Amino acid sequence: MVDTTYPPRPVPDHESLRTMTIIVYALMLASFVSLHTAAVVAVILAYVKRGDARGTIWETHFDAVIATFWIGLVVMIVGIPLCFVLVGIPIMIALAIWYLYRNIKGLVRAIDGQPYN
């Protein structure tokens, strides 16, 4: 009888996932000077590597990057038009502070080898 089950998933290399996590956070932080194109690259990398990181501490980091990207995008879409009536300016300032906080926190925790939460 032939075994038709899939082979077990290989054990993820924690050092390569750690390196990729640090690169993703660096891209998220670099998005301020790249008109946010680096953030698009970072979120694509996070989606691609999230499957490899399933069940590890690095999965929490990739989930955090993805959530930060999408929440930031929605708030930015709402905040930019509101800047014309001056209400959006504090929203955009708060978004920038929140975005920096989440990414710097994640970067520091990734460098220390700790989960995001």
PDB file of N, CA and C in Angstrom:
ATOM      1  N   MET A   1       0.842  -1.166   0.000  1.00  0.00           N
ATOM      2  CA  MET A   1       0.000   0.000   0.000  1.00  0.00           C
ATOM      3  C   MET A   1       0.894   1.239   0.000  1.00  0.00           C
ATOM      4  N   VAL A   2       0.532   2.213  -0.802  1.00  0.00           N
ATOM      5  CA  VAL A   2       1.309   3.440  -0.941  1.00  0.00           C
ATOM      6  C   VAL A   2       0.781   4.474   0.042  1.00  0.00           C
ATOM      7  N   ASP A   3       1.703   5.116   0.736  1.00  0.00           N
ATOM      8  CA  ASP A   3       1.339   6.176   1.683  1.00  0.00           C
ATOM      9  C   ASP A   3       1.073   7.454   0.903  1.00  0.00           C
ATOM     10  N   THR A   4      -0.165   7.930   0.916  1.00  0.00           N
ATOM     11  CA  THR A   4      -0.537   9.118   0.142  1.00  0.00           C
ATOM     12  C   THR A   4      -0.567  10.388   0.982  1.00  0.00           C
ATOM     13  N   THR A   5      -0.141  10.308   2.215  1.00  0.00           N
ATOM     14  CA  THR A   5      -0.123  11.502   3.052  1.00  0.00           C
ATOM     15  C   THR A   5       1.034  12.396   2.621  1.00  0.00           C
ATOM     16  N   TYR A   6       0.853  13.639   2.854  1.00  0.00           N
ATOM     17  CA  TYR A   6       1.907  14.588   2.518  1.00  0.00           C
ATOM     18  C   TYR A   6       3.067  14.452   3.494  1.00  0.00           C
ATOM     19  N   PRO A   7       4.259  14.732   3.034  1.00  0.00           N
ATOM     20  CA  PRO A   7       5.388  14.663   3.972  1.00  0.00           C
ATOM     21  C   PRO A   7       5.245  15.749   5.031  1.00  0.00           C
ATOM     22  N   PRO A   8       5.804  15.502   6.199  1.00  0.00           N
ATOM     23  CA  PRO A   8       5.701  16.523   7.253  1.00  0.00           C
ATOM     24  C   PRO A   8       6.379  17.817   6.814  1.00  0.00           C
ATOM     25  N   ARG A   9       5.815  18.902   7.283  1.00  0.00           N
ATOM     26  CA  ARG A   9       6.373  20.206   6.948  1.00  0.00           C
ATOM     27  C   ARG A   9       7.755  20.344   7.577  1.00  0.00           C
ATOM     28  N   PRO A  10       8.728  20.874   6.826  1.00  0.00           N
ATOM     29  CA  PRO A  10      10.064  21.012   7.411  1.00  0.00           C
ATOM     30  C   PRO A  10      10.068  22.019   8.560  1.00  0.00           C
ATOM     31  N   VAL A  11      10.969  21.795   9.480  1.00  0.00           N
ATOM     32  CA  VAL A  11      11.107  22.695  10.623  1.00  0.00           C
ATOM     33  C   VAL A  11      11.661  24.022  10.112  1.00  0.00           C
ATOM     34  N   PRO A  12      10.998  25.145  10.448  1.00  0.00           N
ATOM     35  CA  PRO A  12      11.475  26.433   9.949  1.00  0.00           C
ATOM     36  C   PRO A  12      12.819  26.815  10.558  1.00  0.00           C
ATOM     37  N   ASP A  13      13.622  27.471   9.777  1.00  0.00           N
ATOM     38  CA  ASP A  13      14.916  27.964  10.234  1.00  0.00           C
ATOM     39  C   ASP A  13      14.683  29.284  10.962  1.00  0.00           C
ATOM     40  N   HIS A  14      14.827  29.261  12.279  1.00  0.00           N
ATOM     41  CA  HIS A  14      14.498  30.450  13.075  1.00  0.00           C
ATOM     42  C   HIS A  14      15.401  31.633  12.745  1.00  0.00           C
ATOM     43  N   GLU A  15      16.641  31.376  12.421  1.00  0.00           N
ATOM     44  CA  GLU A  15      17.548  32.494  12.126  1.00  0.00           C
ATOM     45  C   GLU A  15      17.159  33.190  10.825  1.00  0.00           C
ATOM     46  N   SER A  16      16.755  32.433   9.810  1.00  0.00           N
ATOM     47  CA  SER A  16      16.347  33.075   8.560  1.00  0.00           C
ATOM     48  C   SER A  16      15.021  33.810   8.733  1.00  0.00           C
ATOM     49  N   LEU A  17      14.116  33.258   9.551  1.00  0.00           N
ATOM     50  CA  LEU A  17      12.856  33.964   9.828  1.00  0.00           C
ATOM     51  C   LEU A  17      13.114  35.234  10.623  1.00  0.00           C
ATOM     52  N   ARG A  18      14.044  35.180  11.551  1.00  0.00           N
ATOM     53  CA  ARG A  18      14.407  36.375  12.324  1.00  0.00           C
ATOM     54  C   ARG A  18      14.973  37.448  11.396  1.00  0.00           C
ATOM     55  N   THR A  19      15.862  37.048  10.498  1.00  0.00           N
ATOM     56  CA  THR A  19      16.446  37.992   9.552  1.00  0.00           C
ATOM     57  C   THR A  19      15.372  38.597   8.655  1.00  0.00           C
ATOM     58  N   MET A  20      14.463  37.766   8.154  1.00  0.00           N
ATOM     59  CA  MET A  20      13.394  38.269   7.291  1.00  0.00           C
ATOM     60  C   MET A  20      12.477  39.214   8.059  1.00  0.00           C
ATOM     61  N   THR A  21      12.217  38.904   9.324  1.00  0.00           N
ATOM     62  CA  THR A  21      11.384  39.783  10.143  1.00  0.00           C
ATOM     63  C   THR A  21      12.037  41.149  10.309  1.00  0.00           C
ATOM     64  N   ILE A  22      13.325  41.168  10.568  1.00  0.00           N
ATOM     65  CA  ILE A  22      14.046  42.439  10.719  1.00  0.00           C
ATOM     66  C   ILE A  22      14.019  43.211   9.409  1.00  0.00           C
ATOM     67  N   ILE A  23      14.169  42.527   8.281  1.00  0.00           N
ATOM     68  CA  ILE A  23      14.114  43.186   6.971  1.00  0.00           C
ATOM     69  C   ILE A  23      12.730  43.784   6.733  1.00  0.00           C
ATOM     70  N   VAL A  24      11.686  43.041   7.095  1.00  0.00           N
ATOM     71  CA  VAL A  24      10.318  43.535   6.906  1.00  0.00           C
ATOM     72  C   VAL A  24      10.089  44.795   7.735  1.00  0.00           C
ATOM     73  N   TYR A  25      10.544  44.799   8.987  1.00  0.00           N
ATOM     74  CA  TYR A  25      10.385  46.001   9.810  1.00  0.00           C
ATOM     75  C   TYR A  25      11.206  47.171   9.261  1.00  0.00           C
ATOM     76  N   ALA A  26      12.401  46.890   8.774  1.00  0.00           N
ATOM     77  CA  ALA A  26      13.225  47.952   8.188  1.00  0.00           C
ATOM     78  C   ALA A  26      12.535  48.550   6.966  1.00  0.00           C
ATOM     79  N   LEU A  27      11.899  47.709   6.159  1.00  0.00           N
ATOM     80  CA  LEU A  27      11.160  48.220   5.006  1.00  0.00           C
ATOM     81  C   LEU A  27       9.954  49.057   5.447  1.00  0.00           C
ATOM     82  N   MET A  28       9.277  48.606   6.483  1.00  0.00           N
ATOM     83  CA  MET A  28       8.137  49.393   6.979  1.00  0.00           C
ATOM     84  C   MET A  28       8.594  50.767   7.453  1.00  0.00           C
ATOM     85  N   LEU A  29       9.726  50.821   8.135  1.00  0.00           N
ATOM     86  CA  LEU A  29      10.233  52.108   8.607  1.00  0.00           C
ATOM     87  C   LEU A  29      10.767  52.950   7.449  1.00  0.00           C
ATOM     88  N   ALA A  30      11.327  52.298   6.428  1.00  0.00           N
ATOM     89  CA  ALA A  30      11.836  53.015   5.258  1.00  0.00           C
ATOM     90  C   ALA A  30      10.708  53.572   4.403  1.00  0.00           C
ATOM     91  N   SER A  31       9.496  53.142   4.658  1.00  0.00           N
ATOM     92  CA  SER A  31       8.376  53.616   3.834  1.00  0.00           C
ATOM     93  C   SER A  31       8.129  55.114   3.979  1.00  0.00           C
ATOM     94  N   PHE A  32       8.590  55.705   5.068  1.00  0.00           N
ATOM     95  CA  PHE A  32       8.413  57.148   5.234  1.00  0.00           C
ATOM     96  C   PHE A  32       9.184  57.935   4.189  1.00  0.00           C
ATOM     97  N   VAL A  33      10.325  57.417   3.755  1.00  0.00           N
ATOM     98  CA  VAL A  33      11.133  58.142   2.766  1.00  0.00           C
ATOM     99  C   VAL A  33      10.958  57.595   1.354  1.00  0.00           C
ATOM    100  N   SER A  34      10.168  56.527   1.209  1.00  0.00           N
ATOM    101  CA  SER A  34       9.991  55.940  -0.121  1.00  0.00           C
ATOM    102  C   SER A  34       8.561  56.071  -0.634  1.00  0.00           C
ATOM    103  N   LEU A  35       7.829  57.027  -0.095  1.00  0.00           N
ATOM    104  CA  LEU A  35       6.420  57.226  -0.463  1.00  0.00           C
ATOM    105  C   LEU A  35       5.608  55.936  -0.290  1.00  0.00           C
ATOM    106  N   HIS A  36       5.931  55.191   0.728  1.00  0.00           N
ATOM    107  CA  HIS A  36       5.222  53.986   1.163  1.00  0.00           C
ATOM    108  C   HIS A  36       5.314  52.803   0.203  1.00  0.00           C
ATOM    109  N   THR A  37       6.169  52.888  -0.815  1.00  0.00           N
ATOM    110  CA  THR A  37       6.348  51.714  -1.679  1.00  0.00           C
ATOM    111  C   THR A  37       7.081  50.607  -0.929  1.00  0.00           C
ATOM    112  N   ALA A  38       7.963  50.960  -0.024  1.00  0.00           N
ATOM    113  CA  ALA A  38       8.661  49.944   0.770  1.00  0.00           C
ATOM    114  C   ALA A  38       7.688  49.194   1.668  1.00  0.00           C
ATOM    115  N   ALA A  39       6.637  49.854   2.122  1.00  0.00           N
ATOM    116  CA  ALA A  39       5.638  49.184   2.960  1.00  0.00           C
ATOM    117  C   ALA A  39       4.869  48.141   2.157  1.00  0.00           C
ATOM    118  N   VAL A  40       4.630  48.420   0.893  1.00  0.00           N
ATOM    119  CA  VAL A  40       3.952  47.441   0.038  1.00  0.00           C
ATOM    120  C   VAL A  40       4.834  46.194  -0.121  1.00  0.00           C
ATOM    121  N   VAL A  41       6.125  46.405  -0.350  1.00  0.00           N
ATOM    122  CA  VAL A  41       7.065  45.286  -0.450  1.00  0.00           C
ATOM    123  C   VAL A  41       7.107  44.528   0.875  1.00  0.00           C
ATOM    124  N   ALA A  42       7.124  45.240   1.985  1.00  0.00           N
ATOM    125  CA  ALA A  42       7.182  44.614   3.306  1.00  0.00           C
ATOM    126  C   ALA A  42       5.957  43.754   3.570  1.00  0.00           C
ATOM    127  N   VAL A  43       4.782  44.240   3.237  1.00  0.00           N
ATOM    128  CA  VAL A  43       3.569  43.464   3.514  1.00  0.00           C
ATOM    129  C   VAL A  43       3.484  42.251   2.593  1.00  0.00           C
ATOM    130  N   ILE A  44       3.972  42.359   1.370  1.00  0.00           N
ATOM    131  CA  ILE A  44       4.016  41.195   0.482  1.00  0.00           C
ATOM    132  C   ILE A  44       4.954  40.140   1.060  1.00  0.00           C
ATOM    133  N   LEU A  45       6.130  40.562   1.515  1.00  0.00           N
ATOM    134  CA  LEU A  45       7.062  39.620   2.149  1.00  0.00           C
ATOM    135  C   LEU A  45       6.445  38.984   3.390  1.00  0.00           C
ATOM    136  N   ALA A  46       5.730  39.778   4.176  1.00  0.00           N
ATOM    137  CA  ALA A  46       5.095  39.252   5.389  1.00  0.00           C
ATOM    138  C   ALA A  46       4.049  38.193   5.034  1.00  0.00           C
ATOM    139  N   TYR A  47       3.253  38.437   3.999  1.00  0.00           N
ATOM    140  CA  TYR A  47       2.275  37.437   3.574  1.00  0.00           C
ATOM    141  C   TYR A  47       2.962  36.166   3.091  1.00  0.00           C
ATOM    142  N   VAL A  48       4.048  36.304   2.341  1.00  0.00           N
ATOM    143  CA  VAL A  48       4.753  35.149   1.805  1.00  0.00           C
ATOM    144  C   VAL A  48       5.398  34.326   2.924  1.00  0.00           C
ATOM    145  N   LYS A  49       6.026  34.972   3.879  1.00  0.00           N
ATOM    146  CA  LYS A  49       6.765  34.271   4.930  1.00  0.00           C
ATOM    147  C   LYS A  49       5.886  33.832   6.100  1.00  0.00           C
ATOM    148  N   ARG A  50       4.676  34.335   6.191  1.00  0.00           N
ATOM    149  CA  ARG A  50       3.811  33.989   7.317  1.00  0.00           C
ATOM    150  C   ARG A  50       3.527  32.486   7.368  1.00  0.00           C
ATOM    151  N   GLY A  51       3.359  31.868   6.222  1.00  0.00           N
ATOM    152  CA  GLY A  51       3.124  30.424   6.196  1.00  0.00           C
ATOM    153  C   GLY A  51       4.324  29.646   6.717  1.00  0.00           C
ATOM    154  N   ASP A  52       5.524  30.082   6.364  1.00  0.00           N
ATOM    155  CA  ASP A  52       6.736  29.418   6.856  1.00  0.00           C
ATOM    156  C   ASP A  52       6.894  29.598   8.368  1.00  0.00           C
ATOM    157  N   ALA A  53       6.376  30.692   8.883  1.00  0.00           N
ATOM    158  CA  ALA A  53       6.545  31.009  10.304  1.00  0.00           C
ATOM    159  C   ALA A  53       5.425  30.455  11.170  1.00  0.00           C
ATOM    160  N   ARG A  54       4.470  29.752  10.568  1.00  0.00           N
ATOM    161  CA  ARG A  54       3.322  29.237  11.319  1.00  0.00           C
ATOM    162  C   ARG A  54       3.796  28.431  12.531  1.00  0.00           C
ATOM    163  N   GLY A  55       3.259  28.787  13.696  1.00  0.00           N
ATOM    164  CA  GLY A  55       3.587  28.074  14.920  1.00  0.00           C
ATOM    165  C   GLY A  55       4.856  28.540  15.616  1.00  0.00           C
ATOM    166  N   THR A  56       5.489  29.594  15.094  1.00  0.00           N
ATOM    167  CA  THR A  56       6.698  30.125  15.724  1.00  0.00           C
ATOM    168  C   THR A  56       6.419  31.524  16.261  1.00  0.00           C
ATOM    169  N   ILE A  57       7.377  32.066  16.978  1.00  0.00           N
ATOM    170  CA  ILE A  57       7.209  33.431  17.484  1.00  0.00           C
ATOM    171  C   ILE A  57       7.203  34.440  16.344  1.00  0.00           C
ATOM    172  N   TRP A  58       7.756  34.084  15.209  1.00  0.00           N
ATOM    173  CA  TRP A  58       7.858  35.028  14.094  1.00  0.00           C
ATOM    174  C   TRP A  58       6.510  35.239  13.415  1.00  0.00           C
ATOM    175  N   GLU A  59       5.594  34.301  13.583  1.00  0.00           N
ATOM    176  CA  GLU A  59       4.259  34.469  13.014  1.00  0.00           C
ATOM    177  C   GLU A  59       3.569  35.700  13.600  1.00  0.00           C
ATOM    178  N   THR A  60       3.778  35.952  14.904  1.00  0.00           N
ATOM    179  CA  THR A  60       3.158  37.121  15.531  1.00  0.00           C
ATOM    180  C   THR A  60       3.693  38.416  14.918  1.00  0.00           C
ATOM    181  N   HIS A  61       4.955  38.421  14.533  1.00  0.00           N
ATOM    182  CA  HIS A  61       5.534  39.606  13.921  1.00  0.00           C
ATOM    183  C   HIS A  61       4.945  39.857  12.538  1.00  0.00           C
ATOM    184  N   PHE A  62       4.829  38.796  11.740  1.00  0.00           N
ATOM    185  CA  PHE A  62       4.271  38.970  10.401  1.00  0.00           C
ATOM    186  C   PHE A  62       2.807  39.382  10.469  1.00  0.00           C
ATOM    187  N   ASP A  63       2.062  38.827  11.417  1.00  0.00           N
ATOM    188  CA  ASP A  63       0.667  39.239  11.610  1.00  0.00           C
ATOM    189  C   ASP A  63       0.583  40.711  12.009  1.00  0.00           C
ATOM    190  N   ALA A  64       1.492  41.145  12.872  1.00  0.00           N
ATOM    191  CA  ALA A  64       1.495  42.546  13.312  1.00  0.00           C
ATOM    192  C   ALA A  64       1.817  43.492  12.155  1.00  0.00           C
ATOM    193  N   VAL A  65       2.763  43.119  11.305  1.00  0.00           N
ATOM    194  CA  VAL A  65       3.110  43.958  10.153  1.00  0.00           C
ATOM    195  C   VAL A  65       1.918  44.071   9.204  1.00  0.00           C
ATOM    196  N   ILE A  66       1.267  42.947   8.948  1.00  0.00           N
ATOM    197  CA  ILE A  66       0.115  42.952   8.045  1.00  0.00           C
ATOM    198  C   ILE A  66      -1.010  43.814   8.617  1.00  0.00           C
ATOM    199  N   ALA A  67      -1.291  43.667   9.903  1.00  0.00           N
ATOM    200  CA  ALA A  67      -2.345  44.473  10.535  1.00  0.00           C
ATOM    201  C   ALA A  67      -1.976  45.951  10.529  1.00  0.00           C
ATOM    202  N   THR A  68      -0.731  46.270  10.827  1.00  0.00           N
ATOM    203  CA  THR A  68      -0.292  47.667  10.829  1.00  0.00           C
ATOM    204  C   THR A  68      -0.454  48.281   9.447  1.00  0.00           C
ATOM    205  N   PHE A  69      -0.090  47.542   8.425  1.00  0.00           N
ATOM    206  CA  PHE A  69      -0.208  48.047   7.057  1.00  0.00           C
ATOM    207  C   PHE A  69      -1.660  48.360   6.708  1.00  0.00           C
ATOM    208  N   TRP A  70      -2.557  47.393   6.918  1.00  0.00           N
ATOM    209  CA  TRP A  70      -3.944  47.585   6.501  1.00  0.00           C
ATOM    210  C   TRP A  70      -4.673  48.631   7.339  1.00  0.00           C
ATOM    211  N   ILE A  71      -4.455  48.628   8.642  1.00  0.00           N
ATOM    212  CA  ILE A  71      -5.092  49.644   9.485  1.00  0.00           C
ATOM    213  C   ILE A  71      -4.551  51.021   9.116  1.00  0.00           C
ATOM    214  N   GLY A  72      -3.244  51.122   8.917  1.00  0.00           N
ATOM    215  CA  GLY A  72      -2.648  52.396   8.513  1.00  0.00           C
ATOM    216  C   GLY A  72      -3.181  52.879   7.182  1.00  0.00           C
ATOM    217  N   LEU A  73      -3.368  51.977   6.232  1.00  0.00           N
ATOM    218  CA  LEU A  73      -3.890  52.360   4.920  1.00  0.00           C
ATOM    219  C   LEU A  73      -5.307  52.898   5.022  1.00  0.00           C
ATOM    220  N   VAL A  74      -6.154  52.219   5.805  1.00  0.00           N
ATOM    221  CA  VAL A  74      -7.540  52.677   5.959  1.00  0.00           C
ATOM    222  C   VAL A  74      -7.588  54.041   6.640  1.00  0.00           C
ATOM    223  N   VAL A  75      -6.815  54.219   7.703  1.00  0.00           N
ATOM    224  CA  VAL A  75      -6.813  55.503   8.408  1.00  0.00           C
ATOM    225  C   VAL A  75      -6.257  56.603   7.503  1.00  0.00           C
ATOM    226  N   MET A  76      -5.261  56.288   6.688  1.00  0.00           N
ATOM    227  CA  MET A  76      -4.694  57.280   5.784  1.00  0.00           C
ATOM    228  C   MET A  76      -5.713  57.676   4.708  1.00  0.00           C
ATOM    229  N   ILE A  77      -6.454  56.702   4.196  1.00  0.00           N
ATOM    230  CA  ILE A  77      -7.474  57.004   3.189  1.00  0.00           C
ATOM    231  C   ILE A  77      -8.550  57.916   3.771  1.00  0.00           C
ATOM    232  N   VAL A  78      -8.876  57.730   5.026  1.00  0.00           N
ATOM    233  CA  VAL A  78      -9.866  58.594   5.682  1.00  0.00           C
ATOM    234  C   VAL A  78      -9.239  59.940   6.053  1.00  0.00           C
ATOM    235  N   GLY A  79      -8.001  59.929   6.538  1.00  0.00           N
ATOM    236  CA  GLY A  79      -7.376  61.143   7.053  1.00  0.00           C
ATOM    237  C   GLY A  79      -6.943  62.144   5.991  1.00  0.00           C
ATOM    238  N   ILE A  80      -6.487  61.686   4.844  1.00  0.00           N
ATOM    239  CA  ILE A  80      -5.989  62.622   3.820  1.00  0.00           C
ATOM    240  C   ILE A  80      -7.076  63.579   3.340  1.00  0.00           C
ATOM    241  N   PRO A  81      -8.272  63.097   2.971  1.00  0.00           N
ATOM    242  CA  PRO A  81      -9.298  64.082   2.573  1.00  0.00           C
ATOM    243  C   PRO A  81      -9.714  65.011   3.709  1.00  0.00           C
ATOM    244  N   LEU A  82      -9.647  64.518   4.940  1.00  0.00           N
ATOM    245  CA  LEU A  82     -10.024  65.354   6.074  1.00  0.00           C
ATOM    246  C   LEU A  82      -8.993  66.442   6.361  1.00  0.00           C
ATOM    247  N   CYS A  83      -7.799  66.323   5.789  1.00  0.00           N
ATOM    248  CA  CYS A  83      -6.780  67.371   5.966  1.00  0.00           C
ATOM    249  C   CYS A  83      -7.223  68.687   5.349  1.00  0.00           C
ATOM    250  N   PHE A  84      -8.102  68.622   4.344  1.00  0.00           N
ATOM    251  CA  PHE A  84      -8.578  69.852   3.707  1.00  0.00           C
ATOM    252  C   PHE A  84      -9.477  70.663   4.629  1.00  0.00           C
ATOM    253  N   VAL A  85     -10.037  70.028   5.641  1.00  0.00           N
ATOM    254  CA  VAL A  85     -10.844  70.752   6.621  1.00  0.00           C
ATOM    255  C   VAL A  85     -10.136  70.781   7.977  1.00  0.00           C
ATOM    256  N   LEU A  86      -8.854  70.511   7.972  1.00  0.00           N
ATOM    257  CA  LEU A  86      -7.950  70.574   9.118  1.00  0.00           C
ATOM    258  C   LEU A  86      -8.197  69.525  10.193  1.00  0.00           C
ATOM    259  N   VAL A  87      -9.244  68.738  10.084  1.00  0.00           N
ATOM    260  CA  VAL A  87      -9.487  67.677  11.053  1.00  0.00           C
ATOM    261  C   VAL A  87      -8.516  66.528  10.825  1.00  0.00           C
ATOM    262  N   GLY A  88      -8.107  66.342   9.588  1.00  0.00           N
ATOM    263  CA  GLY A  88      -7.244  65.225   9.248  1.00  0.00           C
ATOM    264  C   GLY A  88      -5.813  65.370   9.714  1.00  0.00           C
ATOM    265  N   ILE A  89      -5.377  66.597   9.977  1.00  0.00           N
ATOM    266  CA  ILE A  89      -3.981  66.807  10.383  1.00  0.00           C
ATOM    267  C   ILE A  89      -3.666  66.085  11.694  1.00  0.00           C
ATOM    268  N   PRO A  90      -4.465  66.258  12.761  1.00  0.00           N
ATOM    269  CA  PRO A  90      -4.163  65.484  13.972  1.00  0.00           C
ATOM    270  C   PRO A  90      -4.318  63.980  13.764  1.00  0.00           C
ATOM    271  N   ILE A  91      -5.230  63.578  12.888  1.00  0.00           N
ATOM    272  CA  ILE A  91      -5.391  62.156  12.593  1.00  0.00           C
ATOM    273  C   ILE A  91      -4.128  61.617  11.946  1.00  0.00           C
ATOM    274  N   MET A  92      -3.565  62.351  10.998  1.00  0.00           N
ATOM    275  CA  MET A  92      -2.355  61.907  10.300  1.00  0.00           C
ATOM    276  C   MET A  92      -1.137  61.915  11.231  1.00  0.00           C
ATOM    277  N   ILE A  93      -1.064  62.883  12.128  1.00  0.00           N
ATOM    278  CA  ILE A  93       0.038  62.921  13.099  1.00  0.00           C
ATOM    279  C   ILE A  93      -0.066  61.713  14.039  1.00  0.00           C
ATOM    280  N   ALA A  94      -1.275  61.449  14.520  1.00  0.00           N
ATOM    281  CA  ALA A  94      -1.482  60.288  15.399  1.00  0.00           C
ATOM    282  C   ALA A  94      -1.170  58.986  14.659  1.00  0.00           C
ATOM    283  N   LEU A  95      -1.545  58.914  13.391  1.00  0.00           N
ATOM    284  CA  LEU A  95      -1.247  57.719  12.594  1.00  0.00           C
ATOM    285  C   LEU A  95       0.259  57.523  12.458  1.00  0.00           C
ATOM    286  N   ALA A  96       0.996  58.585  12.192  1.00  0.00           N
ATOM    287  CA  ALA A  96       2.448  58.484  12.046  1.00  0.00           C
ATOM    288  C   ALA A  96       3.095  58.002  13.349  1.00  0.00           C
ATOM    289  N   ILE A  97       2.649  58.531  14.487  1.00  0.00           N
ATOM    290  CA  ILE A  97       3.193  58.120  15.785  1.00  0.00           C
ATOM    291  C   ILE A  97       2.868  56.658  16.053  1.00  0.00           C
ATOM    292  N   TRP A  98       1.616  56.251  15.803  1.00  0.00           N
ATOM    293  CA  TRP A  98       1.193  54.864  16.013  1.00  0.00           C
ATOM    294  C   TRP A  98       1.975  53.916  15.108  1.00  0.00           C
ATOM    295  N   TYR A  99       2.142  54.293  13.848  1.00  0.00           N
ATOM    296  CA  TYR A  99       2.866  53.481  12.867  1.00  0.00           C
ATOM    297  C   TYR A  99       4.326  53.293  13.290  1.00  0.00           C
ATOM    298  N   LEU A 100       4.956  54.382  13.694  1.00  0.00           N
ATOM    299  CA  LEU A 100       6.345  54.290  14.161  1.00  0.00           C
ATOM    300  C   LEU A 100       6.444  53.437  15.420  1.00  0.00           C
ATOM    301  N   TYR A 101       5.544  53.643  16.362  1.00  0.00           N
ATOM    302  CA  TYR A 101       5.569  52.875  17.607  1.00  0.00           C
ATOM    303  C   TYR A 101       5.464  51.377  17.332  1.00  0.00           C
ATOM    304  N   ARG A 102       4.487  50.980  16.535  1.00  0.00           N
ATOM    305  CA  ARG A 102       4.283  49.548  16.271  1.00  0.00           C
ATOM    306  C   ARG A 102       5.482  48.923  15.571  1.00  0.00           C
ATOM    307  N   ASN A 103       6.055  49.642  14.607  1.00  0.00           N
ATOM    308  CA  ASN A 103       7.170  49.072  13.859  1.00  0.00           C
ATOM    309  C   ASN A 103       8.468  49.082  14.657  1.00  0.00           C
ATOM    310  N   ILE A 104       8.706  50.116  15.430  1.00  0.00           N
ATOM    311  CA  ILE A 104       9.914  50.139  16.259  1.00  0.00           C
ATOM    312  C   ILE A 104       9.810  49.088  17.358  1.00  0.00           C
ATOM    313  N   LYS A 105       8.631  48.968  17.972  1.00  0.00           N
ATOM    314  CA  LYS A 105       8.421  47.934  18.988  1.00  0.00           C
ATOM    315  C   LYS A 105       8.680  46.547  18.393  1.00  0.00           C
ATOM    316  N   GLY A 106       8.139  46.287  17.217  1.00  0.00           N
ATOM    317  CA  GLY A 106       8.337  44.994  16.577  1.00  0.00           C
ATOM    318  C   GLY A 106       9.787  44.743  16.219  1.00  0.00           C
ATOM    319  N   LEU A 107      10.466  45.766  15.721  1.00  0.00           N
ATOM    320  CA  LEU A 107      11.874  45.625  15.360  1.00  0.00           C
ATOM    321  C   LEU A 107      12.721  45.297  16.586  1.00  0.00           C
ATOM    322  N   VAL A 108      12.492  46.004  17.681  1.00  0.00           N
ATOM    323  CA  VAL A 108      13.259  45.764  18.913  1.00  0.00           C
ATOM    324  C   VAL A 108      12.990  44.354  19.427  1.00  0.00           C
ATOM    325  N   ARG A 109      11.726  43.932  19.415  1.00  0.00           N
ATOM    326  CA  ARG A 109      11.395  42.593  19.903  1.00  0.00           C
ATOM    327  C   ARG A 109      11.941  41.511  18.978  1.00  0.00           C
ATOM    328  N   ALA A 110      11.991  41.779  17.675  1.00  0.00           N
ATOM    329  CA  ALA A 110      12.568  40.807  16.733  1.00  0.00           C
ATOM    330  C   ALA A 110      14.073  40.680  16.945  1.00  0.00           C
ATOM    331  N   ILE A 111      14.736  41.797  17.160  1.00  0.00           N
ATOM    332  CA  ILE A 111      16.180  41.759  17.412  1.00  0.00           C
ATOM    333  C   ILE A 111      16.462  40.975  18.695  1.00  0.00           C
ATOM    334  N   ASP A 112      15.579  41.122  19.694  1.00  0.00           N
ATOM    335  CA  ASP A 112      15.754  40.395  20.965  1.00  0.00           C
ATOM    336  C   ASP A 112      15.283  38.942  20.886  1.00  0.00           C
ATOM    337  N   GLY A 113      14.662  38.558  19.759  1.00  0.00           N
ATOM    338  CA  GLY A 113      14.192  37.185  19.605  1.00  0.00           C
ATOM    339  C   GLY A 113      12.918  36.888  20.389  1.00  0.00           C
ATOM    340  N   GLN A 114      12.085  37.900  20.596  1.00  0.00           N
ATOM    341  CA  GLN A 114      10.841  37.744  21.352  1.00  0.00           C
ATOM    342  C   GLN A 114       9.655  37.880  20.424  1.00  0.00           C
ATOM    343  N   PRO A 115       8.513  37.277  20.790  1.00  0.00           N
ATOM    344  CA  PRO A 115       7.299  37.457  19.973  1.00  0.00           C
ATOM    345  C   PRO A 115       6.816  38.904  20.047  1.00  0.00           C
ATOM    346  N   TYR A 116       5.967  39.293  19.107  1.00  0.00           N
ATOM    347  CA  TYR A 116       5.506  40.679  19.063  1.00  0.00           C
ATOM    348  C   TYR A 116       4.694  41.047  20.301  1.00  0.00           C
ATOM    349  N   ASN A 117       3.795  40.164  20.729  1.00  0.00           N
ATOM    350  CA  ASN A 117       2.902  40.483  21.858  1.00  0.00           C
ATOM    351  C   ASN A 117       3.630  40.438  23.175  1.00  0.00           C
TER     352      ASN A 117
END
